[in-house]
Amino acid sequence: MKKNQHVLPHPDGWAVKGEGNDKATSVHPTQSVAIAAATKIAVNQQSEVLIHGRNGQIRERNSHGNDPFPPKG
C-alpha cells in the first residue's frame, strides 16, 4: 500500500510518519536525517515525501512515484 511519508516536528527532533498513522515510524535529531529516512521509504513504496516546517505547514513535497512525463496541464 502506498502511503505518503510526512516529515514533522517532534519534541525529540523530527519524525517520519506514514499518512494516516497515529504513531511516528521513526524519530531523528535533524530534519535532513528525517528527510533521508522518509525518502528511502517513499522510493520503496513509490509515494511522496511531504516536508513540514516548524509551524507544521507543508513547505515542500517530493514525489517518488509513477509520475507522468511530461506532466499533464
PDB file of N, CA and C in Angstrom:
ATOM      1  N   MET A   1       0.842  -1.184   0.000  1.00  0.00           N
ATOM      2  CA  MET A   1       0.000   0.000   0.000  1.00  0.00           C
ATOM      3  C   MET A   1       0.883   1.242   0.000  1.00  0.00           C
ATOM      4  N   LYS A   2       0.558   2.182  -0.870  1.00  0.00           N
ATOM      5  CA  LYS A   2       1.339   3.402  -0.977  1.00  0.00           C
ATOM      6  C   LYS A   2       0.866   4.411   0.064  1.00  0.00           C
ATOM      7  N   LYS A   3       1.767   4.790   0.953  1.00  0.00           N
ATOM      8  CA  LYS A   3       1.459   5.811   1.958  1.00  0.00           C
ATOM      9  C   LYS A   3       2.453   6.940   1.813  1.00  0.00           C
ATOM     10  N   ASN A   4       1.940   8.147   1.666  1.00  0.00           N
ATOM     11  CA  ASN A   4       2.827   9.296   1.646  1.00  0.00           C
ATOM     12  C   ASN A   4       3.504   9.410   3.009  1.00  0.00           C
ATOM     13  N   GLN A   5       4.753   9.860   2.996  1.00  0.00           N
ATOM     14  CA  GLN A   5       5.539   9.988   4.217  1.00  0.00           C
ATOM     15  C   GLN A   5       5.659  11.464   4.579  1.00  0.00           C
ATOM     16  N   HIS A   6       5.331  11.790   5.814  1.00  0.00           N
ATOM     17  CA  HIS A   6       5.404  13.168   6.289  1.00  0.00           C
ATOM     18  C   HIS A   6       6.597  13.321   7.223  1.00  0.00           C
ATOM     19  N   VAL A   7       7.336  14.407   7.048  1.00  0.00           N
ATOM     20  CA  VAL A   7       8.425  14.773   7.963  1.00  0.00           C
ATOM     21  C   VAL A   7       7.884  15.922   8.808  1.00  0.00           C
ATOM     22  N   LEU A   8       7.730  15.661  10.102  1.00  0.00           N
ATOM     23  CA  LEU A   8       7.057  16.589  11.001  1.00  0.00           C
ATOM     24  C   LEU A   8       7.926  16.948  12.205  1.00  0.00           C
ATOM     25  N   PRO A   9       7.726  18.165  12.758  1.00  0.00           N
ATOM     26  CA  PRO A   9       8.418  18.495  14.008  1.00  0.00           C
ATOM     27  C   PRO A   9       7.972  17.538  15.117  1.00  0.00           C
ATOM     28  N   HIS A  10       8.903  17.200  15.996  1.00  0.00           N
ATOM     29  CA  HIS A  10       8.646  16.258  17.090  1.00  0.00           C
ATOM     30  C   HIS A  10       9.394  16.785  18.311  1.00  0.00           C
ATOM     31  N   PRO A  11       8.897  16.535  19.521  1.00  0.00           N
ATOM     32  CA  PRO A  11       9.608  17.017  20.718  1.00  0.00           C
ATOM     33  C   PRO A  11      11.069  16.564  20.791  1.00  0.00           C
ATOM     34  N   ASP A  12      11.382  15.410  20.199  1.00  0.00           N
ATOM     35  CA  ASP A  12      12.755  14.902  20.224  1.00  0.00           C
ATOM     36  C   ASP A  12      13.515  15.173  18.929  1.00  0.00           C
ATOM     37  N   GLY A  13      12.993  16.049  18.071  1.00  0.00           N
ATOM     38  CA  GLY A  13      13.654  16.380  16.807  1.00  0.00           C
ATOM     39  C   GLY A  13      12.659  16.426  15.671  1.00  0.00           C
ATOM     40  N   TRP A  14      12.776  15.449  14.748  1.00  0.00           N
ATOM     41  CA  TRP A  14      11.904  15.385  13.574  1.00  0.00           C
ATOM     42  C   TRP A  14      11.417  13.957  13.405  1.00  0.00           C
ATOM     43  N   ALA A  15      10.128  13.817  13.111  1.00  0.00           N
ATOM     44  CA  ALA A  15       9.528  12.494  12.965  1.00  0.00           C
ATOM     45  C   ALA A  15       9.179  12.208  11.508  1.00  0.00           C
ATOM     46  N   VAL A  16       9.265  10.939  11.152  1.00  0.00           N
ATOM     47  CA  VAL A  16       8.752  10.435   9.883  1.00  0.00           C
ATOM     48  C   VAL A  16       7.479   9.683  10.233  1.00  0.00           C
ATOM     49  N   LYS A  17       6.387  10.070   9.576  1.00  0.00           N
ATOM     50  CA  LYS A  17       5.098   9.472   9.896  1.00  0.00           C
ATOM     51  C   LYS A  17       4.369   9.140   8.606  1.00  0.00           C
ATOM     52  N   GLY A  18       3.945   7.902   8.457  1.00  0.00           N
ATOM     53  CA  GLY A  18       3.149   7.496   7.307  1.00  0.00           C
ATOM     54  C   GLY A  18       1.771   8.131   7.372  1.00  0.00           C
ATOM     55  N   GLU A  19       1.262   8.531   6.219  1.00  0.00           N
ATOM     56  CA  GLU A  19      -0.040   9.190   6.168  1.00  0.00           C
ATOM     57  C   GLU A  19      -1.106   8.292   6.773  1.00  0.00           C
ATOM     58  N   GLY A  20      -1.867   8.857   7.710  1.00  0.00           N
ATOM     59  CA  GLY A  20      -2.937   8.118   8.365  1.00  0.00           C
ATOM     60  C   GLY A  20      -2.494   7.347   9.602  1.00  0.00           C
ATOM     61  N   ASN A  21      -1.192   7.270   9.844  1.00  0.00           N
ATOM     62  CA  ASN A  21      -0.694   6.558  11.024  1.00  0.00           C
ATOM     63  C   ASN A  21      -0.810   7.428  12.272  1.00  0.00           C
ATOM     64  N   ASP A  22      -1.072   6.792  13.401  1.00  0.00           N
ATOM     65  CA  ASP A  22      -1.134   7.510  14.673  1.00  0.00           C
ATOM     66  C   ASP A  22       0.252   7.761  15.250  1.00  0.00           C
ATOM     67  N   LYS A  23       1.145   6.804  15.044  1.00  0.00           N
ATOM     68  CA  LYS A  23       2.487   6.897  15.626  1.00  0.00           C
ATOM     69  C   LYS A  23       3.530   7.146  14.550  1.00  0.00           C
ATOM     70  N   ALA A  24       4.615   7.769  14.952  1.00  0.00           N
ATOM     71  CA  ALA A  24       5.727   8.024  14.043  1.00  0.00           C
ATOM     72  C   ALA A  24       6.424   6.712  13.698  1.00  0.00           C
ATOM     73  N   THR A  25       6.863   6.595  12.460  1.00  0.00           N
ATOM     74  CA  THR A  25       7.642   5.444  12.023  1.00  0.00           C
ATOM     75  C   THR A  25       9.025   5.496  12.656  1.00  0.00           C
ATOM     76  N   SER A  26       9.604   6.724  12.689  1.00  0.00           N
ATOM     77  CA  SER A  26      10.919   6.925  13.290  1.00  0.00           C
ATOM     78  C   SER A  26      11.072   8.388  13.690  1.00  0.00           C
ATOM     79  N   VAL A  27      12.003   8.640  14.618  1.00  0.00           N
ATOM     80  CA  VAL A  27      12.296   9.998  15.086  1.00  0.00           C
ATOM     81  C   VAL A  27      13.790  10.227  14.922  1.00  0.00           C
ATOM     82  N   HIS A  28      14.167  11.422  14.427  1.00  0.00           N
ATOM     83  CA  HIS A  28      15.556  11.736  14.108  1.00  0.00           C
ATOM     84  C   HIS A  28      15.945  13.082  14.717  1.00  0.00           C
ATOM     85  N   PRO A  29      17.240  13.273  14.991  1.00  0.00           N
ATOM     86  CA  PRO A  29      17.682  14.516  15.629  1.00  0.00           C
ATOM     87  C   PRO A  29      17.609  15.735  14.710  1.00  0.00           C
ATOM     88  N   THR A  30      17.734  15.526  13.386  1.00  0.00           N
ATOM     89  CA  THR A  30      17.695  16.665  12.459  1.00  0.00           C
ATOM     90  C   THR A  30      16.679  16.405  11.356  1.00  0.00           C
ATOM     91  N   GLN A  31      16.220  17.486  10.751  1.00  0.00           N
ATOM     92  CA  GLN A  31      15.254  17.369   9.668  1.00  0.00           C
ATOM     93  C   GLN A  31      15.876  16.673   8.458  1.00  0.00           C
ATOM     94  N   SER A  32      17.134  16.955   8.178  1.00  0.00           N
ATOM     95  CA  SER A  32      17.764  16.347   7.000  1.00  0.00           C
ATOM     96  C   SER A  32      17.868  14.828   7.132  1.00  0.00           C
ATOM     97  N   VAL A  33      18.147  14.323   8.319  1.00  0.00           N
ATOM     98  CA  VAL A  33      18.212  12.876   8.535  1.00  0.00           C
ATOM     99  C   VAL A  33      16.804  12.284   8.398  1.00  0.00           C
ATOM    100  N   ALA A  34      15.801  12.982   8.906  1.00  0.00           N
ATOM    101  CA  ALA A  34      14.414  12.518   8.787  1.00  0.00           C
ATOM    102  C   ALA A  34      13.972  12.498   7.322  1.00  0.00           C
ATOM    103  N   ILE A  35      14.376  13.502   6.546  1.00  0.00           N
ATOM    104  CA  ILE A  35      14.029  13.542   5.122  1.00  0.00           C
ATOM    105  C   ILE A  35      14.654  12.360   4.394  1.00  0.00           C
ATOM    106  N   ALA A  36      15.905  12.057   4.714  1.00  0.00           N
ATOM    107  CA  ALA A  36      16.580  10.918   4.083  1.00  0.00           C
ATOM    108  C   ALA A  36      15.845   9.611   4.399  1.00  0.00           C
ATOM    109  N   ALA A  37      15.423   9.442   5.640  1.00  0.00           N
ATOM    110  CA  ALA A  37      14.699   8.232   6.036  1.00  0.00           C
ATOM    111  C   ALA A  37      13.342   8.156   5.338  1.00  0.00           C
ATOM    112  N   ALA A  38      12.643   9.283   5.284  1.00  0.00           N
ATOM    113  CA  ALA A  38      11.330   9.319   4.626  1.00  0.00           C
ATOM    114  C   ALA A  38      11.466   9.054   3.131  1.00  0.00           C
ATOM    115  N   THR A  39      12.524   9.580   2.524  1.00  0.00           N
ATOM    116  CA  THR A  39      12.753   9.380   1.094  1.00  0.00           C
ATOM    117  C   THR A  39      12.996   7.913   0.783  1.00  0.00           C
ATOM    118  N   LYS A  40      13.750   7.245   1.629  1.00  0.00           N
ATOM    119  CA  LYS A  40      14.023   5.818   1.431  1.00  0.00           C
ATOM    120  C   LYS A  40      12.714   5.017   1.437  1.00  0.00           C
ATOM    121  N   ILE A  41      11.841   5.333   2.367  1.00  0.00           N
ATOM    122  CA  ILE A  41      10.542   4.652   2.457  1.00  0.00           C
ATOM    123  C   ILE A  41       9.691   4.985   1.228  1.00  0.00           C
ATOM    124  N   ALA A  42       9.651   6.264   0.855  1.00  0.00           N
ATOM    125  CA  ALA A  42       8.824   6.702  -0.275  1.00  0.00           C
ATOM    126  C   ALA A  42       9.280   6.089  -1.594  1.00  0.00           C
ATOM    127  N   VAL A  43      10.585   5.956  -1.790  1.00  0.00           N
ATOM    128  CA  VAL A  43      11.099   5.324  -3.005  1.00  0.00           C
ATOM    129  C   VAL A  43      10.631   3.870  -3.044  1.00  0.00           C
ATOM    130  N   ASN A  44      10.730   3.196  -1.911  1.00  0.00           N
ATOM    131  CA  ASN A  44      10.311   1.797  -1.817  1.00  0.00           C
ATOM    132  C   ASN A  44       8.817   1.639  -2.095  1.00  0.00           C
ATOM    133  N   GLN A  45       8.014   2.581  -1.621  1.00  0.00           N
ATOM    134  CA  GLN A  45       6.559   2.496  -1.757  1.00  0.00           C
ATOM    135  C   GLN A  45       6.037   3.278  -2.965  1.00  0.00           C
ATOM    136  N   GLN A  46       6.918   3.925  -3.691  1.00  0.00           N
ATOM    137  CA  GLN A  46       6.545   4.785  -4.816  1.00  0.00           C
ATOM    138  C   GLN A  46       5.467   5.783  -4.402  1.00  0.00           C
ATOM    139  N   SER A  47       5.782   6.564  -3.370  1.00  0.00           N
ATOM    140  CA  SER A  47       4.851   7.555  -2.840  1.00  0.00           C
ATOM    141  C   SER A  47       5.546   8.911  -2.740  1.00  0.00           C
ATOM    142  N   GLU A  48       4.988   9.819  -1.969  1.00  0.00           N
ATOM    143  CA  GLU A  48       5.530  11.166  -1.841  1.00  0.00           C
ATOM    144  C   GLU A  48       6.088  11.414  -0.450  1.00  0.00           C
ATOM    145  N   VAL A  49       7.035  12.360  -0.383  1.00  0.00           N
ATOM    146  CA  VAL A  49       7.536  12.867   0.892  1.00  0.00           C
ATOM    147  C   VAL A  49       7.001  14.281   1.035  1.00  0.00           C
ATOM    148  N   LEU A  50       6.315  14.545   2.129  1.00  0.00           N
ATOM    149  CA  LEU A  50       5.810  15.887   2.422  1.00  0.00           C
ATOM    150  C   LEU A  50       6.593  16.430   3.604  1.00  0.00           C
ATOM    151  N   ILE A  51       7.304  17.512   3.373  1.00  0.00           N
ATOM    152  CA  ILE A  51       8.183  18.088   4.388  1.00  0.00           C
ATOM    153  C   ILE A  51       7.483  19.285   5.020  1.00  0.00           C
ATOM    154  N   HIS A  52       7.292  19.211   6.313  1.00  0.00           N
ATOM    155  CA  HIS A  52       6.628  20.276   7.052  1.00  0.00           C
ATOM    156  C   HIS A  52       7.684  21.161   7.722  1.00  0.00           C
ATOM    157  N   GLY A  53       7.374  22.441   7.861  1.00  0.00           N
ATOM    158  CA  GLY A  53       8.238  23.357   8.598  1.00  0.00           C
ATOM    159  C   GLY A  53       7.943  23.261  10.088  1.00  0.00           C
ATOM    160  N   ARG A  54       8.654  24.041  10.879  1.00  0.00           N
ATOM    161  CA  ARG A  54       8.432  24.026  12.336  1.00  0.00           C
ATOM    162  C   ARG A  54       7.003  24.436  12.701  1.00  0.00           C
ATOM    163  N   ASN A  55       6.368  25.235  11.824  1.00  0.00           N
ATOM    164  CA  ASN A  55       4.998  25.685  12.093  1.00  0.00           C
ATOM    165  C   ASN A  55       3.965  24.624  11.712  1.00  0.00           C
ATOM    166  N   GLY A  56       4.409  23.501  11.145  1.00  0.00           N
ATOM    167  CA  GLY A  56       3.511  22.418  10.796  1.00  0.00           C
ATOM    168  C   GLY A  56       2.975  22.475   9.371  1.00  0.00           C
ATOM    169  N   GLN A  57       3.176  23.596   8.680  1.00  0.00           N
ATOM    170  CA  GLN A  57       2.693  23.716   7.310  1.00  0.00           C
ATOM    171  C   GLN A  57       3.638  23.010   6.341  1.00  0.00           C
ATOM    172  N   ILE A  58       3.061  22.431   5.293  1.00  0.00           N
ATOM    173  CA  ILE A  58       3.874  21.770   4.272  1.00  0.00           C
ATOM    174  C   ILE A  58       4.665  22.832   3.527  1.00  0.00           C
ATOM    175  N   ARG A  59       5.990  22.641   3.462  1.00  0.00           N
ATOM    176  CA  ARG A  59       6.825  23.603   2.763  1.00  0.00           C
ATOM    177  C   ARG A  59       7.425  23.042   1.483  1.00  0.00           C
ATOM    178  N   GLU A  60       7.372  21.719   1.348  1.00  0.00           N
ATOM    179  CA  GLU A  60       7.937  21.074   0.159  1.00  0.00           C
ATOM    180  C   GLU A  60       7.356  19.681   0.027  1.00  0.00           C
ATOM    181  N   ARG A  61       7.214  19.220  -1.233  1.00  0.00           N
ATOM    182  CA  ARG A  61       6.810  17.831  -1.462  1.00  0.00           C
ATOM    183  C   ARG A  61       7.621  17.272  -2.610  1.00  0.00           C
ATOM    184  N   ASN A  62       8.053  16.038  -2.431  1.00  0.00           N
ATOM    185  CA  ASN A  62       8.863  15.351  -3.432  1.00  0.00           C
ATOM    186  C   ASN A  62       8.201  14.024  -3.758  1.00  0.00           C
ATOM    187  N   SER A  63       7.956  13.818  -5.047  1.00  0.00           N
ATOM    188  CA  SER A  63       7.298  12.597  -5.484  1.00  0.00           C
ATOM    189  C   SER A  63       8.334  11.544  -5.868  1.00  0.00           C
ATOM    190  N   HIS A  64       8.093  10.325  -5.437  1.00  0.00           N
ATOM    191  CA  HIS A  64       8.953   9.203  -5.774  1.00  0.00           C
ATOM    192  C   HIS A  64       8.099   8.078  -6.346  1.00  0.00           C
ATOM    193  N   GLY A  65       7.010   8.495  -7.017  1.00  0.00           N
ATOM    194  CA  GLY A  65       6.083   7.524  -7.566  1.00  0.00           C
ATOM    195  C   GLY A  65       6.144   7.454  -9.068  1.00  0.00           C
ATOM    196  N   ASN A  66       5.035   7.112  -9.645  1.00  0.00           N
ATOM    197  CA  ASN A  66       4.918   6.903 -11.064  1.00  0.00           C
ATOM    198  C   ASN A  66       4.378   8.170 -11.723  1.00  0.00           C
ATOM    199  N   ASP A  67       5.137   9.241 -11.725  1.00  0.00           N
ATOM    200  CA  ASP A  67       4.673  10.497 -12.287  1.00  0.00           C
ATOM    201  C   ASP A  67       4.682  10.446 -13.808  1.00  0.00           C
ATOM    202  N   PRO A  68       3.636  10.975 -14.440  1.00  0.00           N
ATOM    203  CA  PRO A  68       3.646  11.043 -15.896  1.00  0.00           C
ATOM    204  C   PRO A  68       4.637  12.102 -16.370  1.00  0.00           C
ATOM    205  N   PHE A  69       5.326  11.819 -17.452  1.00  0.00           N
ATOM    206  CA  PHE A  69       6.229  12.823 -18.021  1.00  0.00           C
ATOM    207  C   PHE A  69       5.946  12.909 -19.499  1.00  0.00           C
ATOM    208  N   PRO A  70       5.654  14.049 -20.039  1.00  0.00           N
ATOM    209  CA  PRO A  70       5.563  15.329 -19.345  1.00  0.00           C
ATOM    210  C   PRO A  70       4.307  15.405 -18.480  1.00  0.00           C
ATOM    211  N   PRO A  71       4.345  16.271 -17.452  1.00  0.00           N
ATOM    212  CA  PRO A  71       3.175  16.379 -16.568  1.00  0.00           C
ATOM    213  C   PRO A  71       1.961  16.918 -17.329  1.00  0.00           C
ATOM    214  N   LYS A  72       0.791  16.476 -16.909  1.00  0.00           N
ATOM    215  CA  LYS A  72      -0.443  16.951 -17.521  1.00  0.00           C
ATOM    216  C   LYS A  72      -0.720  18.380 -17.086  1.00  0.00           C
ATOM    217  N   GLY A  73      -1.331  19.161 -17.965  1.00  0.00           N
ATOM    218  CA  GLY A  73      -1.744  20.514 -17.605  1.00  0.00           C
ATOM    219  C   GLY A  73      -0.783  21.477 -18.025  1.00  0.00           C
TER     220      GLY A  73
END
